[in-house]
Amino acid sequence: MGCVLVTGGAGFIGSHLVERLVKEGYKVIVVDNLLRGNIGNLSRIIKDVQFVKCDVRNHEIMDGIIKKPTLLFIWQLFQELCLVLKVLSNVLKITSKELRL
């Protein structure tokens, strides 16, 4: 299985998604700044994931995560999806037309 990035993975919905992905055999990287999320939501599987406490706007950290060769993406930030796409477009140097916005 590949590696999956879940942003907002310590939130209610994100943590359930992370649990399912781990159960399915994926390696999971969880990025959450814990402003709305809670690390306790991941308590059952925290040893099975790579947790990164940071804001998705931290270009240096996100750049290192995004460039992993086996990474599949799952964006889970419903309210902030546009922000995530903007950050990714900056990091990956792609335009909004390429993202089909």
N, C-alpha and C. Protein backbone atom coordinates (compact mmCIF):
# COMPACT_ATOMS: atom_id res chain seq x y z
N MET A 1 0.84 -1.18 0.00
CA MET A 1 0.00 0.00 0.00
C MET A 1 0.88 1.24 0.00
N GLY A 2 0.31 2.32 -0.43
CA GLY A 2 1.04 3.58 -0.48
C GLY A 2 0.96 4.34 0.83
N CYS A 3 1.46 5.53 0.77
CA CYS A 3 1.49 6.43 1.91
C CYS A 3 0.44 7.51 1.68
N VAL A 4 -0.38 7.79 2.68
CA VAL A 4 -1.47 8.74 2.55
C VAL A 4 -1.28 9.89 3.53
N LEU A 5 -1.46 11.10 3.03
CA LEU A 5 -1.41 12.30 3.86
C LEU A 5 -2.84 12.71 4.19
N VAL A 6 -3.14 12.87 5.48
CA VAL A 6 -4.45 13.35 5.89
C VAL A 6 -4.23 14.63 6.66
N THR A 7 -4.67 15.74 6.08
CA THR A 7 -4.60 17.02 6.79
C THR A 7 -5.84 17.14 7.65
N GLY A 8 -5.68 17.69 8.83
CA GLY A 8 -6.80 17.76 9.76
C GLY A 8 -7.14 16.39 10.34
N GLY A 9 -6.16 15.52 10.36
CA GLY A 9 -6.39 14.14 10.77
C GLY A 9 -6.64 13.92 12.24
N ALA A 10 -6.49 14.94 13.08
CA ALA A 10 -6.79 14.79 14.50
C ALA A 10 -8.18 15.30 14.84
N GLY A 11 -8.92 15.74 13.84
CA GLY A 11 -10.30 16.15 14.05
C GLY A 11 -11.21 14.94 14.10
N PHE A 12 -12.49 15.19 14.32
CA PHE A 12 -13.45 14.08 14.46
C PHE A 12 -13.52 13.25 13.18
N ILE A 13 -13.78 13.90 12.07
CA ILE A 13 -13.91 13.17 10.80
C ILE A 13 -12.55 12.64 10.36
N GLY A 14 -11.53 13.48 10.44
CA GLY A 14 -10.20 13.08 10.01
C GLY A 14 -9.66 11.88 10.76
N SER A 15 -9.89 11.83 12.06
CA SER A 15 -9.37 10.71 12.86
C SER A 15 -10.04 9.40 12.48
N HIS A 16 -11.33 9.45 12.15
CA HIS A 16 -12.01 8.24 11.69
C HIS A 16 -11.48 7.79 10.34
N LEU A 17 -11.20 8.75 9.48
CA LEU A 17 -10.60 8.43 8.19
C LEU A 17 -9.22 7.80 8.37
N VAL A 18 -8.42 8.36 9.27
CA VAL A 18 -7.09 7.83 9.54
C VAL A 18 -7.18 6.40 10.07
N GLU A 19 -8.10 6.16 11.01
CA GLU A 19 -8.27 4.80 11.54
C GLU A 19 -8.59 3.81 10.44
N ARG A 20 -9.46 4.19 9.54
CA ARG A 20 -9.85 3.30 8.45
C ARG A 20 -8.67 3.02 7.53
N LEU A 21 -7.91 4.06 7.20
CA LEU A 21 -6.75 3.89 6.31
C LEU A 21 -5.70 2.97 6.94
N VAL A 22 -5.46 3.13 8.23
CA VAL A 22 -4.51 2.25 8.94
C VAL A 22 -5.03 0.81 8.90
N LYS A 23 -6.31 0.64 9.15
CA LYS A 23 -6.92 -0.69 9.12
C LYS A 23 -6.78 -1.34 7.74
N GLU A 24 -6.85 -0.51 6.70
CA GLU A 24 -6.72 -1.01 5.33
C GLU A 24 -5.27 -1.27 4.93
N GLY A 25 -4.33 -0.91 5.80
CA GLY A 25 -2.93 -1.22 5.54
C GLY A 25 -2.09 -0.09 4.96
N TYR A 26 -2.64 1.12 4.91
CA TYR A 26 -1.87 2.25 4.41
C TYR A 26 -0.94 2.81 5.48
N LYS A 27 0.19 3.33 5.05
CA LYS A 27 1.04 4.13 5.91
C LYS A 27 0.42 5.52 5.89
N VAL A 28 0.18 6.11 7.06
CA VAL A 28 -0.55 7.38 7.13
C VAL A 28 0.29 8.45 7.80
N ILE A 29 0.34 9.61 7.16
CA ILE A 29 0.95 10.80 7.75
C ILE A 29 -0.19 11.73 8.10
N VAL A 30 -0.28 12.11 9.35
CA VAL A 30 -1.32 13.02 9.81
C VAL A 30 -0.69 14.38 10.07
N VAL A 31 -1.23 15.41 9.43
CA VAL A 31 -0.79 16.78 9.68
C VAL A 31 -1.96 17.53 10.30
N ASP A 32 -1.73 18.10 11.47
CA ASP A 32 -2.78 18.85 12.15
C ASP A 32 -2.11 19.87 13.06
N ASN A 33 -2.66 21.07 13.12
CA ASN A 33 -2.10 22.08 14.02
C ASN A 33 -2.75 22.04 15.40
N LEU A 34 -3.73 21.16 15.58
CA LEU A 34 -4.43 20.93 16.84
C LEU A 34 -5.21 22.15 17.35
N LEU A 35 -5.51 23.11 16.47
CA LEU A 35 -6.35 24.23 16.89
C LEU A 35 -7.79 23.78 17.09
N ARG A 36 -8.27 22.94 16.19
CA ARG A 36 -9.61 22.38 16.31
C ARG A 36 -9.57 20.88 16.59
N GLY A 37 -8.52 20.23 16.17
CA GLY A 37 -8.37 18.80 16.37
C GLY A 37 -7.88 18.49 17.77
N ASN A 38 -7.88 17.21 18.10
CA ASN A 38 -7.45 16.76 19.42
C ASN A 38 -6.65 15.48 19.23
N ILE A 39 -5.42 15.46 19.72
CA ILE A 39 -4.56 14.29 19.56
C ILE A 39 -5.20 13.05 20.20
N GLY A 40 -6.06 13.26 21.18
CA GLY A 40 -6.76 12.15 21.82
C GLY A 40 -7.64 11.37 20.84
N ASN A 41 -8.08 12.03 19.77
CA ASN A 41 -8.88 11.34 18.76
C ASN A 41 -8.09 10.24 18.05
N LEU A 42 -6.78 10.33 18.13
CA LEU A 42 -5.91 9.34 17.48
C LEU A 42 -5.31 8.34 18.47
N SER A 43 -5.78 8.37 19.70
CA SER A 43 -5.14 7.58 20.76
C SER A 43 -5.05 6.08 20.45
N ARG A 44 -6.04 5.54 19.77
CA ARG A 44 -6.02 4.10 19.48
C ARG A 44 -5.00 3.72 18.41
N ILE A 45 -4.59 4.68 17.58
CA ILE A 45 -3.71 4.34 16.45
C ILE A 45 -2.48 5.23 16.35
N ILE A 46 -2.23 6.05 17.36
CA ILE A 46 -1.12 7.01 17.27
C ILE A 46 0.21 6.33 17.01
N LYS A 47 0.39 5.12 17.52
CA LYS A 47 1.66 4.41 17.30
C LYS A 47 1.79 3.89 15.87
N ASP A 48 0.68 3.88 15.13
CA ASP A 48 0.68 3.35 13.77
C ASP A 48 0.75 4.43 12.69
N VAL A 49 0.81 5.70 13.10
CA VAL A 49 0.84 6.79 12.13
C VAL A 49 2.04 7.69 12.40
N GLN A 50 2.38 8.49 11.41
CA GLN A 50 3.38 9.54 11.61
C GLN A 50 2.59 10.82 11.82
N PHE A 51 2.67 11.40 13.01
CA PHE A 51 1.94 12.63 13.32
C PHE A 51 2.87 13.82 13.22
N VAL A 52 2.44 14.83 12.48
CA VAL A 52 3.22 16.06 12.33
C VAL A 52 2.34 17.22 12.80
N LYS A 53 2.74 17.85 13.91
CA LYS A 53 1.99 19.01 14.40
C LYS A 53 2.51 20.24 13.67
N CYS A 54 1.71 20.71 12.73
CA CYS A 54 2.06 21.94 12.02
C CYS A 54 0.85 22.45 11.26
N ASP A 55 0.94 23.67 10.85
CA ASP A 55 -0.07 24.30 10.01
C ASP A 55 0.26 23.97 8.57
N VAL A 56 -0.75 23.72 7.75
CA VAL A 56 -0.50 23.38 6.35
C VAL A 56 0.15 24.53 5.59
N ARG A 57 0.15 25.72 6.18
CA ARG A 57 0.80 26.86 5.53
C ARG A 57 2.31 26.89 5.78
N ASN A 58 2.83 25.93 6.56
CA ASN A 58 4.26 25.84 6.79
C ASN A 58 4.90 25.17 5.57
N HIS A 59 5.36 26.00 4.66
CA HIS A 59 5.85 25.51 3.37
C HIS A 59 7.02 24.54 3.50
N GLU A 60 7.92 24.80 4.42
CA GLU A 60 9.11 23.94 4.55
C GLU A 60 8.72 22.51 4.94
N ILE A 61 7.89 22.38 5.94
CA ILE A 61 7.48 21.04 6.39
C ILE A 61 6.60 20.36 5.35
N MET A 62 5.62 21.09 4.82
CA MET A 62 4.71 20.51 3.83
C MET A 62 5.46 20.11 2.56
N ASP A 63 6.43 20.89 2.17
CA ASP A 63 7.22 20.57 0.98
C ASP A 63 7.90 19.21 1.14
N GLY A 64 8.47 18.95 2.31
CA GLY A 64 9.13 17.67 2.57
C GLY A 64 8.15 16.51 2.56
N ILE A 65 6.94 16.73 3.07
CA ILE A 65 5.93 15.67 3.10
C ILE A 65 5.39 15.40 1.71
N ILE A 66 5.08 16.46 0.99
CA ILE A 66 4.44 16.33 -0.33
C ILE A 66 5.35 15.64 -1.33
N LYS A 67 6.64 15.80 -1.20
CA LYS A 67 7.56 15.25 -2.19
C LYS A 67 7.95 13.79 -1.94
N LYS A 68 7.28 13.12 -1.00
CA LYS A 68 7.54 11.69 -0.78
C LYS A 68 7.12 10.93 -2.03
N PRO A 69 7.97 10.03 -2.53
CA PRO A 69 7.68 9.39 -3.81
C PRO A 69 6.46 8.47 -3.83
N THR A 70 6.05 7.92 -2.71
CA THR A 70 4.91 6.99 -2.71
C THR A 70 3.65 7.62 -2.13
N LEU A 71 3.61 8.93 -2.07
CA LEU A 71 2.51 9.61 -1.40
C LEU A 71 1.26 9.70 -2.27
N LEU A 72 0.14 9.28 -1.71
CA LEU A 72 -1.19 9.52 -2.27
C LEU A 72 -1.78 10.63 -1.41
N PHE A 73 -2.65 11.44 -1.96
CA PHE A 73 -3.19 12.56 -1.18
C PHE A 73 -4.64 12.38 -0.82
N ILE A 74 -4.96 12.81 0.38
CA ILE A 74 -6.35 12.98 0.79
C ILE A 74 -6.40 14.33 1.49
N TRP A 75 -7.19 15.23 0.95
CA TRP A 75 -7.39 16.52 1.61
C TRP A 75 -8.67 16.45 2.39
N GLN A 76 -8.59 16.76 3.66
CA GLN A 76 -9.73 16.58 4.53
C GLN A 76 -10.17 17.89 5.16
N LEU A 77 -9.61 19.00 4.77
CA LEU A 77 -9.98 20.29 5.34
C LEU A 77 -11.13 20.88 4.55
N PHE A 78 -12.33 20.62 4.95
CA PHE A 78 -13.49 21.09 4.19
C PHE A 78 -13.59 22.62 4.18
N GLN A 79 -13.47 23.25 5.31
CA GLN A 79 -13.61 24.69 5.38
C GLN A 79 -12.41 25.41 4.80
N GLU A 80 -11.27 24.78 4.80
CA GLU A 80 -10.06 25.45 4.38
C GLU A 80 -9.45 24.81 3.14
N LEU A 81 -10.25 24.14 2.33
CA LEU A 81 -9.74 23.46 1.16
C LEU A 81 -9.06 24.41 0.19
N CYS A 82 -9.62 25.59 0.00
CA CYS A 82 -9.01 26.56 -0.91
C CYS A 82 -7.63 26.96 -0.42
N LEU A 83 -7.47 27.11 0.88
CA LEU A 83 -6.16 27.44 1.44
C LEU A 83 -5.16 26.33 1.18
N VAL A 84 -5.58 25.09 1.37
CA VAL A 84 -4.70 23.94 1.13
C VAL A 84 -4.27 23.90 -0.33
N LEU A 85 -5.22 24.08 -1.24
CA LEU A 85 -4.88 24.06 -2.66
C LEU A 85 -3.94 25.20 -3.03
N LYS A 86 -4.14 26.35 -2.41
CA LYS A 86 -3.25 27.48 -2.68
C LYS A 86 -1.83 27.16 -2.20
N VAL A 87 -1.71 26.60 -1.02
CA VAL A 87 -0.39 26.22 -0.50
C VAL A 87 0.26 25.18 -1.41
N LEU A 88 -0.51 24.16 -1.80
CA LEU A 88 0.03 23.12 -2.66
C LEU A 88 0.46 23.68 -4.01
N SER A 89 -0.33 24.60 -4.54
CA SER A 89 0.04 25.18 -5.83
C SER A 89 1.35 25.97 -5.71
N ASN A 90 1.55 26.63 -4.57
CA ASN A 90 2.81 27.35 -4.35
C ASN A 90 3.98 26.38 -4.20
N VAL A 91 3.77 25.32 -3.43
CA VAL A 91 4.84 24.35 -3.18
C VAL A 91 5.19 23.59 -4.45
N LEU A 92 4.16 23.16 -5.18
CA LEU A 92 4.39 22.35 -6.37
C LEU A 92 4.59 23.18 -7.63
N LYS A 93 4.46 24.50 -7.50
CA LYS A 93 4.64 25.43 -8.63
C LYS A 93 3.70 25.10 -9.78
N ILE A 94 2.42 24.91 -9.46
CA ILE A 94 1.43 24.65 -10.50
C ILE A 94 0.36 25.73 -10.45
N THR A 95 -0.36 25.90 -11.52
CA THR A 95 -1.34 26.97 -11.61
C THR A 95 -2.72 26.47 -11.23
N SER A 96 -3.63 27.42 -11.02
CA SER A 96 -5.00 27.05 -10.67
C SER A 96 -5.67 26.30 -11.83
N LYS A 97 -5.28 26.57 -13.07
CA LYS A 97 -5.85 25.83 -14.20
C LYS A 97 -5.44 24.37 -14.13
N GLU A 98 -4.21 24.10 -13.71
CA GLU A 98 -3.75 22.72 -13.58
C GLU A 98 -4.46 22.01 -12.44
N LEU A 99 -4.86 22.76 -11.40
CA LEU A 99 -5.61 22.18 -10.30
C LEU A 99 -7.10 22.07 -10.63
N ARG A 100 -7.50 22.63 -11.75
CA ARG A 100 -8.90 22.66 -12.23
C ARG A 100 -9.81 23.35 -11.24
N LEU A 101 -9.40 24.53 -10.78
CA LEU A 101 -10.22 25.32 -9.86
C LEU A 101 -11.18 26.20 -10.63
